[in-house]
Amino acid sequence: MIQLDEKIYFYLLGIIPVLVVLFLLLQLWRKSTRNKFADEALLKRLTPDRSKFKSGLKLFFLLLGLVFLTLGLVNPKIGTKLETIKREGVDIVFAMDVSKSMLAEDIAPNRLEKSKRLVSEIINQLASDRIGIIAYAGQAFPQLPITTDYGAAKMFLQGMNTDMLTSQGTAIDQAIELATTYYNDQEQTNRVLFIISDGEDHSGESTLEAVEKATDEGIRIFTIGVGKAKGAPIPIKRNGIVESLKKDNNGETVITKLDETFLKEIADEGNGEYINGSSTEEAVEFIKEQLLQMDKKEFEAKQFAEFKDQFQWFLGLGLLFLFLDVFTLEKKTKWLRKLNLFNEKDVE
């Protein structure tokens, strides 16, 4: 496993295209200036040691040096020892609503992005809990199985969008049913399901039936409402520009509203709590307190416990290429002329 210490130094690589552009401009200026002085044939006779390729080679060495020095500053570390460690935590599953109604912008920037931020901030507060992610719209889809890899969880979370499921609607019942298959530890007494949605449900009574079955299996269901009760239209965008608003079969603009009543009913039936997601800070703090009050289950997990620095190799290569750049002359050298590495023929 590779770990990067200082990713911010990757921004230094932005100087590479700048150097390439400056090099090309310099070469064009040199060529223009030489052409004003003499034609190509005469220049070859006047400057027989001039190399066409050495300047490009020097730039190549310089760029390689900068790349390796940057990697040295980033300091990649390689995991050298995999250990089994014991942790205490609860199993948490996040069921994310990715239906089109989550594109409504009654909460900035829109309901879906707000949901992602909420879940990401909750994950930041976790220490040793296991987490899983489910995406649902007209059907539920397993996005990430139960894991302790928070980095992977955030990566999958950011990739979620309203186009990932073809069937539209809001089938909360299917999300709950799928969540019951995530909890693979029979001894885990604290199982938590967070449903993040605007509450527009199209599964009716079957949702409450699914909640009842889940609570029978020891799952506590919390609901997080995202949106406003007054509602908002659903924008249809292309390249970030609103082209139109979603309309129903009668040609009327669809207004999607936050249904707190239904979300509260789910939470009450699921032995959990309803949380208004308008304030990320308040919602995350409330959830953190709820999780701290729960009994923790001890479980084993494998992770890399020792990482060794690798920066010295990259710094060494970087310095080597910089030295090659400095000591490589732009004119031909006698022994290189004999080897003719660059296929440059002397002009008699």
Protein backbone atom coordinates (compact mmCIF):
# COMPACT_ATOMS: atom_id res chain seq x y z
CA MET A 1 0.00 0.00 0.00
CA ILE A 2 1.27 3.46 -0.91
CA GLN A 3 0.70 6.52 1.26
CA LEU A 4 1.42 10.10 0.16
CA ASP A 5 2.55 12.55 2.84
CA GLU A 6 2.38 15.98 1.20
CA LYS A 7 0.06 15.86 -1.83
CA ILE A 8 0.04 19.65 -2.07
CA TYR A 9 3.48 19.56 -3.74
CA PHE A 10 1.91 17.98 -6.83
CA TYR A 11 0.94 21.54 -7.78
CA LEU A 12 4.62 22.13 -8.56
CA LEU A 13 4.19 19.93 -11.64
CA GLY A 14 2.22 22.81 -13.13
CA ILE A 15 5.55 24.47 -13.98
CA ILE A 16 6.31 21.75 -16.56
CA PRO A 17 3.92 22.93 -19.32
CA VAL A 18 5.13 26.49 -18.69
CA LEU A 19 8.76 25.44 -19.25
CA VAL A 20 7.81 23.52 -22.41
CA VAL A 21 6.02 26.56 -23.84
CA LEU A 22 8.95 28.86 -22.98
CA PHE A 23 11.38 26.38 -24.57
CA LEU A 24 9.37 26.25 -27.80
CA LEU A 25 9.16 30.04 -27.93
CA LEU A 26 12.90 30.31 -27.37
CA GLN A 27 13.60 27.84 -30.15
CA LEU A 28 11.38 29.78 -32.57
CA TRP A 29 13.13 33.03 -31.64
CA ARG A 30 16.56 31.44 -32.16
CA LYS A 31 15.56 30.03 -35.51
CA SER A 32 14.14 33.39 -36.64
CA THR A 33 17.30 35.20 -35.55
CA ARG A 34 19.61 32.70 -37.30
CA ASN A 35 17.60 32.91 -40.52
CA LYS A 36 18.08 36.68 -40.54
CA PHE A 37 21.84 36.20 -40.25
CA ALA A 38 22.37 33.41 -42.82
CA ASP A 39 20.70 30.52 -44.56
CA GLU A 40 20.80 26.97 -43.14
CA ALA A 41 23.62 25.71 -45.35
CA LEU A 42 25.89 28.61 -44.42
CA LEU A 43 25.06 28.23 -40.73
CA LYS A 44 26.14 24.57 -40.84
CA ARG A 45 29.51 25.63 -42.22
CA LEU A 46 29.94 28.50 -39.75
CA THR A 47 28.85 26.48 -36.69
CA PRO A 48 29.73 22.84 -37.36
CA ASP A 49 29.49 21.95 -33.66
CA ARG A 50 25.91 23.20 -33.28
CA SER A 51 23.56 20.37 -32.26
CA LYS A 52 19.88 20.33 -33.16
CA PHE A 53 18.95 17.82 -30.51
CA LYS A 54 21.02 18.67 -27.43
CA SER A 55 18.73 21.53 -26.33
CA GLY A 56 15.72 19.18 -26.40
CA LEU A 57 17.71 16.57 -24.47
CA LYS A 58 18.64 19.14 -21.82
CA LEU A 59 14.97 20.10 -21.44
CA PHE A 60 14.07 16.42 -21.09
CA PHE A 61 16.62 15.98 -18.28
CA LEU A 62 15.40 19.16 -16.58
CA LEU A 63 11.75 18.08 -16.66
CA LEU A 64 12.57 14.60 -15.37
CA GLY A 65 14.57 16.17 -12.57
CA LEU A 66 11.66 18.39 -11.58
CA VAL A 67 9.23 15.44 -11.66
CA PHE A 68 11.39 13.31 -9.39
CA LEU A 69 12.14 16.19 -7.01
CA THR A 70 8.41 16.85 -6.74
CA LEU A 71 7.76 13.19 -5.95
CA GLY A 72 10.48 13.40 -3.32
CA LEU A 73 8.72 16.37 -1.67
CA VAL A 74 5.41 14.47 -1.76
CA ASN A 75 7.24 11.66 0.06
CA PRO A 76 5.56 8.42 -1.01
CA LYS A 77 5.54 5.78 1.71
CA ILE A 78 5.17 2.05 1.15
CA GLY A 79 3.42 -0.14 3.69
CA THR A 80 5.79 -2.88 4.75
CA LYS A 81 3.88 -4.67 7.49
CA LEU A 82 0.27 -5.84 7.48
CA GLU A 83 -1.14 -6.34 10.96
CA THR A 84 -4.42 -7.51 12.37
CA ILE A 85 -5.68 -4.95 14.84
CA LYS A 86 -8.71 -4.89 17.09
CA ARG A 87 -11.22 -2.09 16.87
CA GLU A 88 -14.44 -1.16 18.58
CA GLY A 89 -17.31 0.38 16.70
CA VAL A 90 -20.74 0.03 15.19
CA ASP A 91 -21.83 -0.96 11.69
CA ILE A 92 -23.21 2.02 9.78
CA VAL A 93 -24.88 1.98 6.37
CA PHE A 94 -25.70 5.16 4.45
CA ALA A 95 -28.62 4.90 1.99
CA MET A 96 -28.31 7.82 -0.44
CA ASP A 97 -31.25 9.03 -2.50
CA VAL A 98 -30.02 9.65 -6.07
CA SER A 99 -33.39 10.26 -7.73
CA LYS A 100 -33.83 13.29 -10.01
CA SER A 101 -35.63 15.22 -7.27
CA MET A 102 -32.26 15.45 -5.50
CA LEU A 103 -31.16 17.91 -8.18
CA ALA A 104 -33.51 20.56 -6.77
CA GLU A 105 -31.56 23.62 -5.66
CA ASP A 106 -33.67 24.71 -2.68
CA ILE A 107 -30.61 23.91 -0.58
CA ALA A 108 -27.18 24.92 -1.90
CA PRO A 109 -25.71 23.80 -4.19
CA ASN A 110 -28.39 21.11 -4.60
CA ARG A 111 -29.88 18.33 -2.50
CA LEU A 112 -27.53 15.62 -3.75
CA GLU A 113 -24.33 17.60 -3.20
CA LYS A 114 -25.59 18.60 0.23
CA SER A 115 -26.20 14.91 1.01
CA LYS A 116 -22.67 14.04 -0.06
CA ARG A 117 -21.24 16.72 2.18
CA LEU A 118 -23.30 15.53 5.13
CA VAL A 119 -22.15 11.92 4.75
CA SER A 120 -18.54 13.00 4.18
CA GLU A 121 -18.56 15.09 7.37
CA ILE A 122 -20.11 12.21 9.33
CA ILE A 123 -17.34 9.90 8.10
CA ASN A 124 -14.77 12.47 9.26
CA GLN A 125 -16.11 12.11 12.80
CA LEU A 126 -15.83 8.31 12.84
CA ALA A 127 -12.86 6.54 14.37
CA SER A 128 -13.23 2.77 14.12
CA ASP A 129 -16.76 2.13 12.90
CA ARG A 130 -17.44 0.08 9.78
CA ILE A 131 -19.42 1.79 7.03
CA GLY A 132 -21.26 0.87 3.84
CA ILE A 133 -23.04 2.89 1.15
CA ILE A 134 -26.21 2.20 -0.85
CA ALA A 135 -27.57 4.25 -3.74
CA TYR A 136 -31.27 4.17 -4.50
CA ALA A 137 -33.86 5.75 -6.75
CA GLY A 138 -36.49 3.53 -8.39
CA GLN A 139 -34.40 0.62 -7.15
CA ALA A 140 -31.54 0.14 -4.69
CA PHE A 141 -27.96 -0.58 -5.71
CA PRO A 142 -25.02 -1.62 -3.47
CA GLN A 143 -22.37 1.07 -3.82
CA LEU A 144 -19.83 0.03 -1.16
CA PRO A 145 -19.94 -3.01 1.16
CA ILE A 146 -19.17 -2.77 4.87
CA THR A 147 -15.57 -1.60 5.26
CA THR A 148 -13.19 0.37 7.46
CA ASP A 149 -11.62 2.06 4.44
CA TYR A 150 -12.93 5.60 4.83
CA GLY A 151 -10.86 6.83 1.88
CA ALA A 152 -12.58 4.39 -0.46
CA ALA A 153 -15.95 5.35 1.01
CA LYS A 154 -15.38 9.02 0.19
CA MET A 155 -14.21 8.17 -3.32
CA PHE A 156 -17.37 6.15 -4.04
CA LEU A 157 -19.46 8.85 -2.40
CA GLN A 158 -18.16 11.59 -4.67
CA GLY A 159 -18.86 9.46 -7.74
CA MET A 160 -22.58 9.18 -7.00
CA ASN A 161 -24.98 11.02 -9.31
CA THR A 162 -28.58 10.96 -10.49
CA ASP A 163 -27.67 9.14 -13.72
CA MET A 164 -26.19 6.07 -12.06
CA LEU A 165 -29.59 4.33 -11.84
CA THR A 166 -31.83 4.16 -14.90
CA SER A 167 -35.09 3.51 -13.04
CA GLN A 168 -36.41 6.68 -11.46
CA GLY A 169 -38.57 7.08 -8.37
CA THR A 170 -37.77 6.81 -4.68
CA ALA A 171 -37.96 3.22 -3.44
CA ILE A 172 -36.91 3.61 0.19
CA ASP A 173 -38.26 0.12 0.95
CA GLN A 174 -35.72 -1.48 -1.40
CA ALA A 175 -32.90 0.53 0.17
CA ILE A 176 -33.89 -0.74 3.62
CA GLU A 177 -34.19 -4.33 2.42
CA LEU A 178 -30.77 -4.15 0.77
CA ALA A 179 -29.26 -2.62 3.91
CA THR A 180 -30.29 -5.65 5.97
CA THR A 181 -27.90 -7.76 3.87
CA TYR A 182 -24.94 -5.48 4.71
CA TYR A 183 -24.68 -6.38 8.37
CA ASN A 184 -22.63 -9.57 8.12
CA ASP A 185 -21.64 -9.79 11.79
CA GLN A 186 -24.33 -11.64 13.73
CA GLU A 187 -22.77 -10.60 17.07
CA GLN A 188 -22.94 -6.88 16.25
CA THR A 189 -25.70 -5.51 18.48
CA ASN A 190 -25.58 -1.95 17.18
CA ARG A 191 -26.54 -1.67 13.54
CA VAL A 192 -27.35 1.76 12.20
CA LEU A 193 -28.94 2.80 8.93
CA PHE A 194 -28.96 6.44 7.83
CA ILE A 195 -31.47 7.25 5.08
CA ILE A 196 -30.58 10.54 3.38
CA SER A 197 -33.48 11.76 1.26
CA ASP A 198 -36.02 14.47 0.53
CA GLY A 199 -38.70 12.02 1.70
CA GLU A 200 -40.56 11.69 -1.58
CA ASP A 201 -41.37 7.97 -1.45
CA HIS A 202 -43.10 5.94 -4.15
CA SER A 203 -43.24 2.61 -2.34
CA GLY A 204 -46.10 3.42 0.05
CA GLU A 205 -46.92 1.00 2.84
CA SER A 206 -44.15 -1.39 1.82
CA THR A 207 -41.61 1.09 3.23
CA LEU A 208 -43.05 0.84 6.74
CA GLU A 209 -43.18 -2.94 6.40
CA ALA A 210 -39.48 -2.93 5.46
CA VAL A 211 -38.76 -0.72 8.48
CA GLU A 212 -40.53 -3.18 10.78
CA LYS A 213 -38.51 -6.12 9.42
CA ALA A 214 -35.26 -4.17 9.79
CA THR A 215 -35.96 -3.24 13.42
CA ASP A 216 -36.71 -6.90 14.15
CA GLU A 217 -33.13 -7.60 13.05
CA GLY A 218 -31.78 -4.99 15.47
CA ILE A 219 -31.26 -2.18 12.95
CA ARG A 220 -31.85 1.40 14.10
CA ILE A 221 -32.98 3.69 11.31
CA PHE A 222 -32.17 7.38 11.30
CA THR A 223 -33.48 9.67 8.57
CA ILE A 224 -31.84 12.87 7.35
CA GLY A 225 -34.07 15.29 5.48
CA VAL A 226 -32.46 17.31 2.69
CA GLY A 227 -34.42 20.11 1.04
CA LYS A 228 -37.11 22.65 1.92
CA ALA A 229 -40.79 22.09 2.69
CA LYS A 230 -41.83 24.83 0.25
CA GLY A 231 -40.18 22.88 -2.53
CA ALA A 232 -38.34 23.75 -5.73
CA PRO A 233 -38.35 22.81 -9.43
CA ILE A 234 -35.93 20.24 -10.84
CA PRO A 235 -33.51 21.88 -13.29
CA ILE A 236 -32.39 20.03 -16.40
CA LYS A 237 -28.84 21.09 -17.20
CA ARG A 238 -26.33 20.60 -19.97
CA ASN A 239 -22.70 21.56 -19.37
CA GLY A 240 -23.74 23.27 -16.16
CA ILE A 241 -26.33 25.51 -17.84
CA VAL A 242 -30.04 25.18 -17.09
CA GLU A 243 -31.89 24.34 -20.31
CA SER A 244 -35.34 23.72 -18.87
CA LEU A 245 -37.29 22.56 -15.82
CA LYS A 246 -38.66 19.05 -15.36
CA LYS A 247 -42.36 18.84 -16.27
CA ASP A 248 -45.07 16.26 -15.63
CA ASN A 249 -47.28 14.54 -18.21
CA ASN A 250 -49.59 17.56 -18.30
CA GLY A 251 -46.74 19.92 -19.13
CA GLU A 252 -46.72 21.50 -15.66
CA THR A 253 -43.44 22.25 -13.91
CA VAL A 254 -42.73 19.64 -11.24
CA ILE A 255 -42.22 21.05 -7.75
CA THR A 256 -40.47 18.63 -5.40
CA LYS A 257 -40.88 19.17 -1.66
CA LEU A 258 -39.20 17.87 1.46
CA ASP A 259 -41.60 15.44 3.18
CA GLU A 260 -40.47 15.63 6.81
CA THR A 261 -43.63 13.92 8.06
CA PHE A 262 -42.86 10.68 6.26
CA LEU A 263 -39.18 10.73 7.21
CA LYS A 264 -40.12 11.25 10.87
CA GLU A 265 -42.53 8.32 10.65
CA ILE A 266 -39.76 6.08 9.32
CA ALA A 267 -37.40 7.18 12.10
CA ASP A 268 -40.03 6.65 14.80
CA GLU A 269 -40.85 3.16 13.53
CA GLY A 270 -37.14 2.41 13.19
CA ASN A 271 -36.22 3.34 16.80
CA GLY A 272 -34.13 6.20 15.48
CA GLU A 273 -34.34 9.96 15.08
CA TYR A 274 -35.20 12.37 12.31
CA ILE A 275 -32.47 14.93 11.55
CA ASN A 276 -32.94 18.06 9.48
CA GLY A 277 -29.92 18.31 7.18
CA SER A 278 -30.12 22.06 6.51
CA SER A 279 -27.28 22.78 8.94
CA THR A 280 -24.41 20.39 8.27
CA GLU A 281 -22.62 21.28 11.51
CA GLU A 282 -25.67 20.74 13.72
CA ALA A 283 -26.67 17.51 11.98
CA VAL A 284 -23.18 16.03 12.22
CA GLU A 285 -22.84 17.00 15.89
CA PHE A 286 -26.19 15.39 16.73
CA ILE A 287 -25.24 12.18 14.91
CA LYS A 288 -21.85 12.11 16.62
CA GLU A 289 -23.54 12.26 20.05
CA GLN A 290 -25.96 9.48 19.09
CA LEU A 291 -23.13 7.19 17.98
CA LEU A 292 -21.09 7.87 21.12
CA GLN A 293 -24.00 6.65 23.26
CA MET A 294 -24.10 3.27 21.50
CA ASP A 295 -22.27 0.19 22.74
CA LYS A 296 -19.27 -0.70 20.63
CA LYS A 297 -18.57 -4.15 19.23
CA GLU A 298 -14.96 -5.35 19.05
CA PHE A 299 -13.86 -6.70 15.70
CA GLU A 300 -10.65 -7.41 13.86
CA ALA A 301 -9.36 -5.52 10.84
CA LYS A 302 -6.18 -5.74 8.77
CA GLN A 303 -4.20 -2.64 8.00
CA PHE A 304 -0.64 -1.57 7.22
CA ALA A 305 0.98 -0.62 10.50
CA GLU A 306 4.44 0.39 9.25
CA PHE A 307 5.28 2.69 6.36
CA LYS A 308 8.79 3.44 5.12
CA ASP A 309 9.78 6.75 3.50
CA GLN A 310 10.79 6.54 -0.16
CA PHE A 311 11.59 10.22 -0.76
CA GLN A 312 15.36 9.64 -0.88
CA TRP A 313 15.13 7.59 -4.09
CA PHE A 314 13.15 10.27 -5.88
CA LEU A 315 15.38 13.09 -4.64
CA GLY A 316 18.44 11.13 -5.79
CA LEU A 317 17.01 10.60 -9.28
CA GLY A 318 15.91 14.22 -9.41
CA LEU A 319 19.40 15.49 -8.59
CA LEU A 320 20.94 13.06 -11.09
CA PHE A 321 18.82 14.38 -13.96
CA LEU A 322 19.49 17.99 -12.94
CA PHE A 323 23.25 17.27 -13.03
CA LEU A 324 22.84 15.70 -16.47
CA ASP A 325 21.03 18.85 -17.57
CA VAL A 326 23.79 21.10 -16.25
CA PHE A 327 26.71 19.11 -17.69
CA THR A 328 25.11 18.36 -21.06
CA LEU A 329 26.44 20.93 -23.53
CA GLU A 330 24.27 22.19 -26.36
CA LYS A 331 27.11 21.81 -28.86
CA LYS A 332 28.46 18.56 -30.21
CA THR A 333 31.34 16.91 -28.37
CA LYS A 334 34.13 15.09 -30.19
CA TRP A 335 33.31 11.60 -28.90
CA LEU A 336 29.59 12.09 -29.50
CA ARG A 337 30.33 13.23 -33.02
CA LYS A 338 32.13 9.94 -33.58
CA LEU A 339 29.27 7.92 -32.12
CA ASN A 340 26.72 10.02 -34.08
CA LEU A 341 23.99 9.20 -31.51
CA PHE A 342 21.62 11.79 -32.90
CA ASN A 343 22.26 11.00 -36.55
CA GLU A 344 23.86 14.37 -37.12
CA LYS A 345 26.25 14.27 -40.07
CA ASP A 346 29.10 16.70 -40.24
CA VAL A 347 29.05 19.09 -43.11
CA GLU A 348 32.33 19.09 -44.99
